[in-house]
Structure formats: C-alpha cells, structure tokens
Amino acid sequence: MRKVLGSVDLRQIYTPIGQMAVFVAGAGALCSVIMIVLALLFKGSGADQVLQATQGVGIFSYTVGNLPQVLIDGMTIGFVYAAIALGYTMVYGVLQFINFAHSEIFAVGAFCGVEALLALNGAGMLEKAGHIGSYGYLGLALLIGMAAAGGMAVLVERVAYRPLRGSPTLVALISAIGVSFALQDIIRLVESLTTGQFYRVIPTFGNFDDRIPLIRMGTKVLDIQVKSVVVIIAAVVMLVGLNYLVRATKVGKAIRAVSQDKNTASLMGIGVNAIISLTFLVGGSLGGAAGVMYALKFTRIDPFVGFMPGIKAFAAAVLGGIGNLTGALLGGMVLGMIESFAGAYLGTYTQGAFGAEYKDMVAFLILILVIIFRPNGLLGEQVSQKA
C-alpha cells in the first residue's frame, strides 16, 4: 500500500481540491458582498416596499435569507460549466483553435446516457434497483455517455480537423461550426427514426430528487437535492482526475509537449496524431459526462440542448483564461454564481422589469467587461501564436 501511494503525486490531488474550495468560497463571497451592498442601497426603495407588503420582510432580510440556497445552486451549475469548459480548454491548449462542435459532443453524451437509462427503465430494472443500485445504473449511464461522446470527438478530429491541420485557424473554425450543425441534425435524425421524439425526459428513479436538510435557519431549512450533490461530486472527481492526468503522468507530459511545440515533440519520439486524438477523447469524454449530469439536473433534453450550455462553458473558459485548466474551473464557478444570483434577485430588485430570463444577459455583460479589461482572462497568460 505504501509503495502504491508513494508512486502517486498527492500534490496533484489535493492542490486542485484546494483550488476548488478557494474558487467556490471566493466567487460566493464576492457575489454575496455585492448583493448585500445592493440590498443596503435599495432599502426604502419601491422594491423594498413591495416585498414588505407582499412577504412581510424587507429587501435586506430577503436577500440575506436566500443567500445560502442561491450559493448552493450557483456552485452546482458552476461545476457543470467547468466540466464542459475543460473540453474547450484541452483542445485549445493543444491546437490553438476553438472546437465549437464540443457543445454537440456534450449533447451526444447526454442523449446516449439518457437513452440508456430509458432502456433500463423500460425493462423495469430501474424500478427494482433500489437506492444503491440506482447509483450503479447512473454510473453506467455516465460511462456510456462518456464513451459515445469521446468516440464522437475522436471521429470529428479525424474527419473534420486533421485534414485541415496547418491551414489558417479560420478554416478549422468554420469546419467546427459546420460539424456542430451537422451533429445537431444527426441527433434529430437518429431520434426521429428510433423514438419519433425530439424531447427526452430522464426517468425518475432512486432518491435523486430527494432533498438533504443542511441547516435550519429560523423557520426555513437550507437543503440540497441529492442529484445536486451527485453532480458536484462527479464534477470534482473529473476535474481532479484531469488535473492529475495532465500534470503528473507521462501522457500528460506528452500532451503538454505537443501543446508547446508539435515538431519538436515529434522529433523526441512523441506520436503527435495519437496525442491529439487522445486529447479529443479525454475532452469529449468529459463533455459527455457533463451532458449526463446536466440531464440529471434539469431532467429534459433535446437535440439543441448543447447550444446554450456550450456557449456558457466557452464563456467560462474565456473568462478564466482559455487554455488554462485552472482558469476553466474558476470561470465556470464565477459564471455559475453570477447566473444563480441574477436569476434569484434580478426580478425582485427591478420589480419584475427584468425577470430570471435575463440572467444570461448579466453573465455575458460581465464577461464582456472582463474581456475588455483583461483580454487573457482572469488566470490567462499571453499565449504566442503557433505556426
């Protein structure tokens, strides 16, 4: 046992966990402080009077009372965005271009995982699984989604990207957009031929919809859904595993070498094409797992399910620093927190003028400001263009 642990670089395990804790606490604290300041500024306003008349509480008490639940929701969706953003970051770090088809790779994983669960449910296996068995079936769905999405990502790289290697970046970008639309229609075609439905709803099974009470706050109970806990744990495992792969293994060293200089890496005996395919496999697999987790969290998917989460994950990658694994985590967490806070408070503070549907506008406006004043992202570094 000691020999096995001695061969493992534990720093590459607890360091990213520590970073996650810092990012979650930092993003949550910053958003909380901003909302508390706004609540103090809005005291006596029309929004404050409306709340007192309808709910019997002032805007400050309302804001503070909802903060813990909003933080939990923001952390959950932030981890999902971070898991998707890692796929963009992996590909950009090696090839220096944005794989816009990654959002549809995400959708492929979501559909394959959900269809597997629906098949199991149709066979009556989910109903008989019990709580422990349900986690096993969910793990199976995750593996199926990861395998399908990873395989699709490798196929896309081989067919649509490798022949264009060495071409201007714009050419590969156009190819990625074309693949994105093609995959959307392929999903629609497959679903129409096999099920006749475009919308798929993940079956209800196990105790994933149950809520775990955390803290009692007066008459309110702070709780979290079981499936939110599952999403967070799965995302943490993926993030830690990817960090260890890239930072502490020979394969990761080869990936970093190809990222820095493909020609020199090839002269040193590294199979560049194999490493690039492996990068797409890993990134696509993470996207597929994120797709299944997204379906578990939001229950319903369609052929276009990858578009908005993909755009947000790309925004998270840019926000944190494209090409930076740690930056993808930070960007996902910040974007998730902003979206959660805007969705919870925007309608109240504007007296219904801007509802929760405008939360995306707030998130992207903040992204624009960050890009204007820090183009390389929060943790990004200046990256030289590859020939």
Protein backbone atom coordinates (compact mmCIF):
# COMPACT_ATOMS: atom_id res chain seq x y z
CA MET A 1 0.00 0.00 0.00
CA ARG A 2 2.80 2.39 0.88
CA LYS A 3 4.53 1.55 -2.40
CA VAL A 4 1.38 2.35 -4.35
CA LEU A 5 0.81 5.64 -2.52
CA GLY A 6 4.46 6.51 -2.87
CA SER A 7 4.11 6.43 -6.67
CA VAL A 8 1.19 8.85 -6.57
CA ASP A 9 1.90 12.57 -6.55
CA LEU A 10 -0.60 13.55 -3.88
CA ARG A 11 0.06 17.23 -4.52
CA GLN A 12 -1.71 16.91 -7.86
CA ILE A 13 -4.77 15.64 -6.00
CA TYR A 14 -5.12 17.93 -3.01
CA THR A 15 -3.88 21.06 -4.85
CA PRO A 16 -6.83 21.21 -7.30
CA ILE A 17 -9.22 20.35 -4.47
CA GLY A 18 -7.82 23.29 -2.52
CA GLN A 19 -8.16 25.50 -5.61
CA MET A 20 -11.79 24.45 -5.99
CA ALA A 21 -12.50 25.31 -2.37
CA VAL A 22 -10.85 28.71 -2.78
CA PHE A 23 -12.68 29.47 -6.04
CA VAL A 24 -16.07 28.41 -4.65
CA ALA A 25 -15.56 30.42 -1.46
CA GLY A 26 -14.13 33.42 -3.31
CA ALA A 27 -16.80 33.60 -6.02
CA GLY A 28 -19.57 33.03 -3.48
CA ALA A 29 -18.19 35.62 -1.05
CA LEU A 30 -17.73 38.25 -3.78
CA CYS A 31 -21.25 37.79 -5.15
CA SER A 32 -22.69 37.76 -1.62
CA VAL A 33 -20.94 41.02 -0.68
CA ILE A 34 -22.19 42.67 -3.87
CA MET A 35 -25.76 41.59 -3.16
CA ILE A 36 -25.59 42.73 0.48
CA VAL A 37 -24.32 46.13 -0.60
CA LEU A 38 -27.12 46.37 -3.18
CA ALA A 39 -29.67 45.36 -0.53
CA LEU A 40 -28.45 48.18 1.72
CA LEU A 41 -28.64 50.65 -1.17
CA PHE A 42 -32.17 49.53 -2.09
CA LYS A 43 -33.56 49.96 1.42
CA GLY A 44 -36.65 52.15 1.26
CA SER A 45 -36.94 51.73 -2.50
CA GLY A 46 -40.03 50.59 -4.36
CA ALA A 47 -38.73 47.02 -4.42
CA ASP A 48 -38.29 47.12 -0.64
CA GLN A 49 -41.84 48.38 -0.14
CA VAL A 50 -43.29 45.72 -2.45
CA LEU A 51 -41.52 42.96 -0.52
CA GLN A 52 -42.73 44.32 2.82
CA ALA A 53 -46.28 44.49 1.52
CA THR A 54 -46.34 41.03 -0.10
CA GLN A 55 -43.97 38.92 2.03
CA GLY A 56 -43.64 40.90 5.24
CA VAL A 57 -39.86 41.21 5.01
CA GLY A 58 -37.56 43.99 3.85
CA ILE A 59 -35.26 43.66 0.88
CA PHE A 60 -32.18 43.22 3.10
CA SER A 61 -33.72 40.33 5.07
CA TYR A 62 -34.98 38.78 1.85
CA THR A 63 -31.54 38.98 0.24
CA VAL A 64 -29.62 37.59 3.20
CA GLY A 65 -32.18 34.87 3.87
CA ASN A 66 -31.92 33.47 0.35
CA LEU A 67 -28.13 33.74 0.03
CA PRO A 68 -27.25 30.18 1.22
CA GLN A 69 -29.64 28.48 -1.21
CA VAL A 70 -28.54 30.70 -4.08
CA LEU A 71 -24.90 29.87 -3.32
CA ILE A 72 -25.62 26.14 -3.46
CA ASP A 73 -27.45 26.48 -6.79
CA GLY A 74 -24.63 28.60 -8.21
CA MET A 75 -21.99 26.11 -7.10
CA THR A 76 -23.87 23.21 -8.72
CA ILE A 77 -24.30 24.81 -12.13
CA GLY A 78 -20.79 26.27 -11.90
CA PHE A 79 -19.28 22.79 -11.65
CA VAL A 80 -21.28 21.68 -14.71
CA TYR A 81 -20.00 24.65 -16.73
CA ALA A 82 -16.45 23.97 -15.54
CA ALA A 83 -16.65 20.32 -16.63
CA ILE A 84 -17.83 21.35 -20.12
CA ALA A 85 -15.27 24.17 -20.33
CA LEU A 86 -12.43 21.70 -19.80
CA GLY A 87 -13.15 20.24 -23.25
CA TYR A 88 -12.70 23.64 -24.90
CA THR A 89 -9.57 24.25 -22.85
CA MET A 90 -7.98 20.88 -23.68
CA VAL A 91 -8.39 21.32 -27.44
CA TYR A 92 -7.34 24.97 -27.43
CA GLY A 93 -4.26 24.18 -25.39
CA VAL A 94 -3.06 21.67 -27.99
CA LEU A 95 -4.33 23.00 -31.33
CA GLN A 96 -4.90 26.70 -30.58
CA PHE A 97 -8.41 26.80 -32.00
CA ILE A 98 -11.90 26.70 -30.54
CA ASN A 99 -13.77 23.42 -31.03
CA PHE A 100 -17.28 24.80 -31.34
CA ALA A 101 -18.55 21.28 -32.02
CA HIS A 102 -17.86 20.48 -28.36
CA SER A 103 -21.35 21.64 -27.39
CA GLU A 104 -22.84 18.97 -29.65
CA ILE A 105 -20.38 16.38 -28.32
CA PHE A 106 -21.93 17.27 -24.97
CA ALA A 107 -25.39 16.66 -26.45
CA VAL A 108 -24.33 13.27 -27.86
CA GLY A 109 -23.21 12.16 -24.41
CA ALA A 110 -26.43 13.44 -22.84
CA PHE A 111 -28.65 11.59 -25.32
CA CYS A 112 -26.72 8.32 -25.14
CA GLY A 113 -26.76 8.37 -21.34
CA VAL A 114 -30.45 9.25 -21.14
CA GLU A 115 -31.43 6.68 -23.78
CA ALA A 116 -29.55 4.02 -21.80
CA LEU A 117 -31.49 4.95 -18.66
CA LEU A 118 -34.78 4.96 -20.59
CA ALA A 119 -34.00 1.49 -21.94
CA LEU A 120 -33.23 0.24 -18.44
CA ASN A 121 -36.42 1.86 -17.18
CA GLY A 122 -38.46 0.24 -19.95
CA ALA A 123 -37.04 -3.13 -18.91
CA GLY A 124 -38.16 -2.47 -15.33
CA MET A 125 -34.61 -2.53 -13.99
CA LEU A 126 -34.56 0.99 -12.53
CA GLU A 127 -37.71 0.38 -10.52
CA LYS A 128 -36.16 -2.69 -8.88
CA ALA A 129 -32.72 -1.15 -8.39
CA GLY A 130 -33.23 0.49 -5.01
CA HIS A 131 -31.12 3.41 -3.82
CA ILE A 132 -27.74 1.68 -4.11
CA GLY A 133 -28.49 0.06 -7.45
CA SER A 134 -29.70 3.37 -8.87
CA TYR A 135 -26.24 4.85 -8.38
CA GLY A 136 -24.77 1.91 -10.24
CA TYR A 137 -27.12 2.46 -13.17
CA LEU A 138 -26.35 6.17 -13.17
CA GLY A 139 -22.64 5.31 -13.24
CA LEU A 140 -23.33 3.02 -16.20
CA ALA A 141 -25.15 5.85 -17.99
CA LEU A 142 -22.18 8.13 -17.31
CA LEU A 143 -19.78 5.58 -18.79
CA ILE A 144 -21.98 5.13 -21.87
CA GLY A 145 -22.26 8.90 -22.34
CA MET A 146 -18.50 9.33 -21.92
CA ALA A 147 -17.71 6.53 -24.38
CA ALA A 148 -20.13 7.83 -27.01
CA ALA A 149 -19.04 11.46 -26.68
CA GLY A 150 -15.34 10.58 -26.55
CA GLY A 151 -15.62 8.37 -29.61
CA MET A 152 -17.54 11.06 -31.49
CA ALA A 153 -14.90 13.65 -30.56
CA VAL A 154 -12.12 11.42 -31.93
CA LEU A 155 -14.10 10.83 -35.12
CA VAL A 156 -14.71 14.56 -35.57
CA GLU A 157 -10.99 15.27 -35.10
CA ARG A 158 -10.02 12.61 -37.63
CA VAL A 159 -12.56 13.59 -40.28
CA ALA A 160 -13.05 17.35 -39.93
CA TYR A 161 -9.93 18.74 -38.24
CA ARG A 162 -6.87 16.64 -39.07
CA PRO A 163 -7.06 17.23 -42.84
CA LEU A 164 -7.13 20.98 -42.13
CA ARG A 165 -4.15 20.99 -39.78
CA GLY A 166 -1.69 23.64 -40.94
CA SER A 167 -4.46 25.66 -42.59
CA PRO A 168 -5.43 29.10 -41.28
CA THR A 169 -7.26 28.96 -37.96
CA LEU A 170 -10.39 30.43 -39.56
CA VAL A 171 -10.71 27.38 -41.82
CA ALA A 172 -10.75 24.98 -38.87
CA LEU A 173 -13.17 27.26 -37.06
CA ILE A 174 -15.62 27.17 -39.98
CA SER A 175 -15.27 23.39 -40.09
CA ALA A 176 -16.07 23.21 -36.35
CA ILE A 177 -19.23 25.28 -36.82
CA GLY A 178 -20.27 23.04 -39.72
CA VAL A 179 -19.72 19.91 -37.63
CA SER A 180 -21.77 21.47 -34.85
CA PHE A 181 -24.82 21.95 -37.09
CA ALA A 182 -24.31 18.51 -38.67
CA LEU A 183 -24.30 16.79 -35.28
CA GLN A 184 -27.49 18.59 -34.26
CA ASP A 185 -29.25 17.23 -37.34
CA ILE A 186 -27.76 13.75 -36.89
CA ILE A 187 -29.18 13.63 -33.36
CA ARG A 188 -32.56 14.77 -34.68
CA LEU A 189 -32.44 12.12 -37.44
CA VAL A 190 -31.48 9.29 -35.09
CA GLU A 191 -34.11 10.25 -32.55
CA SER A 192 -36.83 10.59 -35.18
CA LEU A 193 -36.00 7.18 -36.66
CA THR A 194 -35.69 5.36 -33.33
CA THR A 195 -38.14 7.05 -30.98
CA GLY A 196 -40.09 9.56 -33.05
CA GLN A 197 -39.45 12.18 -30.36
CA PHE A 198 -37.06 15.12 -30.16
CA TYR A 199 -37.50 15.74 -26.44
CA ARG A 200 -36.33 13.10 -23.99
CA VAL A 201 -37.00 13.18 -20.26
CA ILE A 202 -34.71 11.33 -17.90
CA PRO A 203 -36.69 8.74 -15.93
CA THR A 204 -37.35 9.28 -12.24
CA PHE A 205 -35.57 6.65 -10.18
CA GLY A 206 -33.64 6.27 -6.96
CA ASN A 207 -33.58 9.09 -4.45
CA PHE A 208 -32.02 11.72 -6.70
CA ASP A 209 -34.96 14.10 -6.33
CA ASP A 210 -34.92 13.91 -2.54
CA ARG A 211 -33.61 16.86 -0.57
CA ILE A 212 -30.98 16.67 2.16
CA PRO A 213 -31.52 19.18 5.00
CA LEU A 214 -28.33 21.00 5.91
CA ILE A 215 -29.09 23.84 8.33
CA ARG A 216 -32.27 25.15 9.94
CA MET A 217 -32.42 28.94 9.75
CA GLY A 218 -35.38 30.05 11.84
CA THR A 219 -38.47 28.83 10.02
CA LYS A 220 -36.52 27.99 6.87
CA VAL A 221 -34.45 24.88 6.20
CA LEU A 222 -31.40 25.08 3.97
CA ASP A 223 -31.31 21.92 1.88
CA ILE A 224 -29.78 20.49 -1.27
CA GLN A 225 -31.08 17.95 -3.73
CA VAL A 226 -29.35 14.57 -3.84
CA LYS A 227 -28.77 14.96 -7.56
CA SER A 228 -27.02 18.28 -6.97
CA VAL A 229 -24.63 16.51 -4.58
CA VAL A 230 -24.05 13.81 -7.22
CA VAL A 231 -23.33 16.45 -9.88
CA ILE A 232 -20.84 18.25 -7.63
CA ILE A 233 -19.03 15.05 -6.60
CA ALA A 234 -18.83 13.78 -10.20
CA ALA A 235 -17.51 17.14 -11.43
CA VAL A 236 -14.89 17.28 -8.67
CA VAL A 237 -13.70 13.75 -9.49
CA MET A 238 -13.41 14.63 -13.19
CA LEU A 239 -11.58 17.88 -12.52
CA VAL A 240 -9.11 16.25 -10.13
CA GLY A 241 -8.61 13.29 -12.45
CA LEU A 242 -7.92 15.51 -15.46
CA ASN A 243 -5.51 17.68 -13.49
CA TYR A 244 -3.63 14.56 -12.37
CA LEU A 245 -3.53 13.18 -15.91
CA VAL A 246 -2.11 16.39 -17.36
CA ARG A 247 0.25 17.32 -14.52
CA ALA A 248 1.54 14.04 -13.10
CA THR A 249 1.64 11.37 -15.82
CA LYS A 250 3.81 10.66 -18.86
CA VAL A 251 0.75 11.01 -21.07
CA GLY A 252 0.13 14.45 -19.60
CA LYS A 253 3.72 15.40 -20.17
CA ALA A 254 3.35 14.35 -23.82
CA ILE A 255 0.16 16.43 -24.12
CA ARG A 256 1.96 19.47 -22.72
CA ALA A 257 4.92 18.88 -25.06
CA VAL A 258 2.66 18.71 -28.13
CA SER A 259 0.92 21.85 -26.93
CA GLN A 260 4.20 23.76 -26.74
CA ASP A 261 5.82 22.55 -29.99
CA LYS A 262 4.48 19.77 -32.19
CA ASN A 263 7.56 19.48 -34.39
CA THR A 264 9.99 19.19 -31.50
CA ALA A 265 7.68 16.75 -29.72
CA SER A 266 7.62 14.61 -32.85
CA LEU A 267 11.42 14.61 -33.04
CA MET A 268 11.52 13.45 -29.42
CA GLY A 269 9.51 10.35 -30.33
CA ILE A 270 6.02 11.52 -29.33
CA GLY A 271 3.21 10.46 -31.66
CA VAL A 272 1.61 13.83 -32.29
CA ASN A 273 -1.50 12.49 -34.03
CA ALA A 274 -2.09 9.93 -31.28
CA ILE A 275 -1.72 12.57 -28.56
CA ILE A 276 -4.09 14.94 -30.33
CA SER A 277 -6.65 12.13 -30.71
CA LEU A 278 -6.22 11.30 -27.03
CA THR A 279 -6.80 14.94 -26.15
CA PHE A 280 -10.08 14.92 -28.09
CA LEU A 281 -11.01 11.61 -26.46
CA VAL A 282 -10.46 12.98 -22.95
CA GLY A 283 -12.14 16.31 -23.65
CA GLY A 284 -15.09 14.66 -25.37
CA SER A 285 -15.49 12.13 -22.56
CA LEU A 286 -15.65 14.93 -20.00
CA GLY A 287 -18.23 16.69 -22.15
CA GLY A 288 -20.30 13.50 -22.38
CA ALA A 289 -20.24 13.02 -18.62
CA ALA A 290 -21.24 16.66 -18.18
CA GLY A 291 -24.13 16.06 -20.59
CA VAL A 292 -25.47 13.19 -18.49
CA MET A 293 -25.09 15.28 -15.31
CA TYR A 294 -26.89 18.18 -16.99
CA ALA A 295 -29.75 15.83 -17.95
CA LEU A 296 -29.90 14.53 -14.38
CA LYS A 297 -30.06 18.06 -13.02
CA PHE A 298 -32.54 19.58 -15.49
CA THR A 299 -34.41 16.35 -16.48
CA ARG A 300 -35.25 17.21 -20.11
CA ILE A 301 -33.01 17.33 -23.19
CA ASP A 302 -33.46 17.98 -26.91
CA PRO A 303 -31.13 17.99 -29.96
CA PHE A 304 -30.23 21.61 -29.24
CA VAL A 305 -29.51 21.05 -25.56
CA GLY A 306 -25.79 21.60 -26.03
CA PHE A 307 -26.06 25.08 -27.54
CA MET A 308 -26.62 27.29 -24.50
CA PRO A 309 -24.55 25.27 -22.00
CA GLY A 310 -21.82 25.08 -24.64
CA ILE A 311 -21.83 28.83 -25.17
CA LYS A 312 -21.75 29.42 -21.42
CA ALA A 313 -18.95 26.89 -20.94
CA PHE A 314 -16.97 28.58 -23.71
CA ALA A 315 -17.61 31.90 -21.98
CA ALA A 316 -16.40 30.32 -18.73
CA ALA A 317 -13.23 29.09 -20.42
CA VAL A 318 -12.56 32.57 -21.83
CA LEU A 319 -13.43 34.20 -18.53
CA GLY A 320 -10.95 32.05 -16.62
CA GLY A 321 -8.30 32.06 -19.34
CA ILE A 322 -8.67 29.85 -22.41
CA GLY A 323 -6.12 27.04 -22.42
CA ASN A 324 -5.76 27.13 -18.63
CA LEU A 325 -7.31 24.15 -16.78
CA THR A 326 -7.47 26.04 -13.50
CA GLY A 327 -8.95 29.01 -15.34
CA ALA A 328 -11.75 26.82 -16.73
CA LEU A 329 -12.68 25.88 -13.17
CA LEU A 330 -12.59 29.48 -11.98
CA GLY A 331 -14.53 30.75 -14.99
CA GLY A 332 -17.22 28.09 -14.59
CA MET A 333 -17.62 28.86 -10.92
CA VAL A 334 -17.82 32.64 -11.44
CA LEU A 335 -20.30 32.29 -14.31
CA GLY A 336 -22.44 29.82 -12.35
CA MET A 337 -22.56 32.13 -9.34
CA ILE A 338 -23.42 35.17 -11.44
CA GLU A 339 -26.18 33.29 -13.22
CA SER A 340 -27.63 31.96 -9.97
CA PHE A 341 -27.58 35.34 -8.23
CA ALA A 342 -29.06 37.15 -11.23
CA GLY A 343 -31.80 34.54 -11.59
CA ALA A 344 -32.70 34.75 -7.91
CA TYR A 345 -32.60 38.51 -7.36
CA LEU A 346 -32.86 40.34 -10.67
CA GLY A 347 -36.66 40.21 -10.87
CA THR A 348 -37.06 41.32 -7.24
CA TYR A 349 -34.68 44.25 -7.48
CA THR A 350 -36.18 45.52 -10.75
CA GLN A 351 -39.81 44.93 -9.59
CA GLY A 352 -40.37 42.47 -12.42
CA ALA A 353 -38.97 44.67 -15.19
CA PHE A 354 -36.16 42.12 -15.71
CA GLY A 355 -37.03 38.57 -14.70
CA ALA A 356 -34.88 35.48 -14.25
CA GLU A 357 -34.84 35.02 -18.02
CA TYR A 358 -32.36 37.92 -18.22
CA LYS A 359 -29.75 36.17 -16.06
CA ASP A 360 -27.78 35.21 -19.18
CA MET A 361 -27.60 38.87 -20.19
CA VAL A 362 -26.00 39.81 -16.87
CA ALA A 363 -23.48 36.96 -17.07
CA PHE A 364 -22.40 37.81 -20.60
CA LEU A 365 -22.21 41.54 -19.89
CA ILE A 366 -19.76 40.81 -17.07
CA LEU A 367 -17.84 38.54 -19.43
CA ILE A 368 -17.56 41.39 -21.94
CA LEU A 369 -16.22 43.70 -19.26
CA VAL A 370 -13.60 41.15 -18.21
CA ILE A 371 -12.50 40.65 -21.82
CA ILE A 372 -12.23 44.40 -22.34
CA PHE A 373 -10.07 45.00 -19.29
CA ARG A 374 -8.29 41.62 -19.15
CA PRO A 375 -8.37 40.01 -22.61
CA ASN A 376 -6.46 36.90 -21.50
CA GLY A 377 -8.98 36.04 -18.79
CA LEU A 378 -8.74 36.05 -15.03
CA LEU A 379 -5.92 33.50 -14.91
CA GLY A 380 -4.83 33.55 -18.53
CA GLU A 381 -1.33 34.25 -19.74
CA GLN A 382 -0.17 35.73 -23.00
CA VAL A 383 -0.01 32.86 -25.49
CA SER A 384 2.11 33.14 -28.59
CA GLN A 385 0.50 32.11 -31.85
CA LYS A 386 1.60 28.74 -33.20
CA ALA A 387 2.72 28.45 -36.78
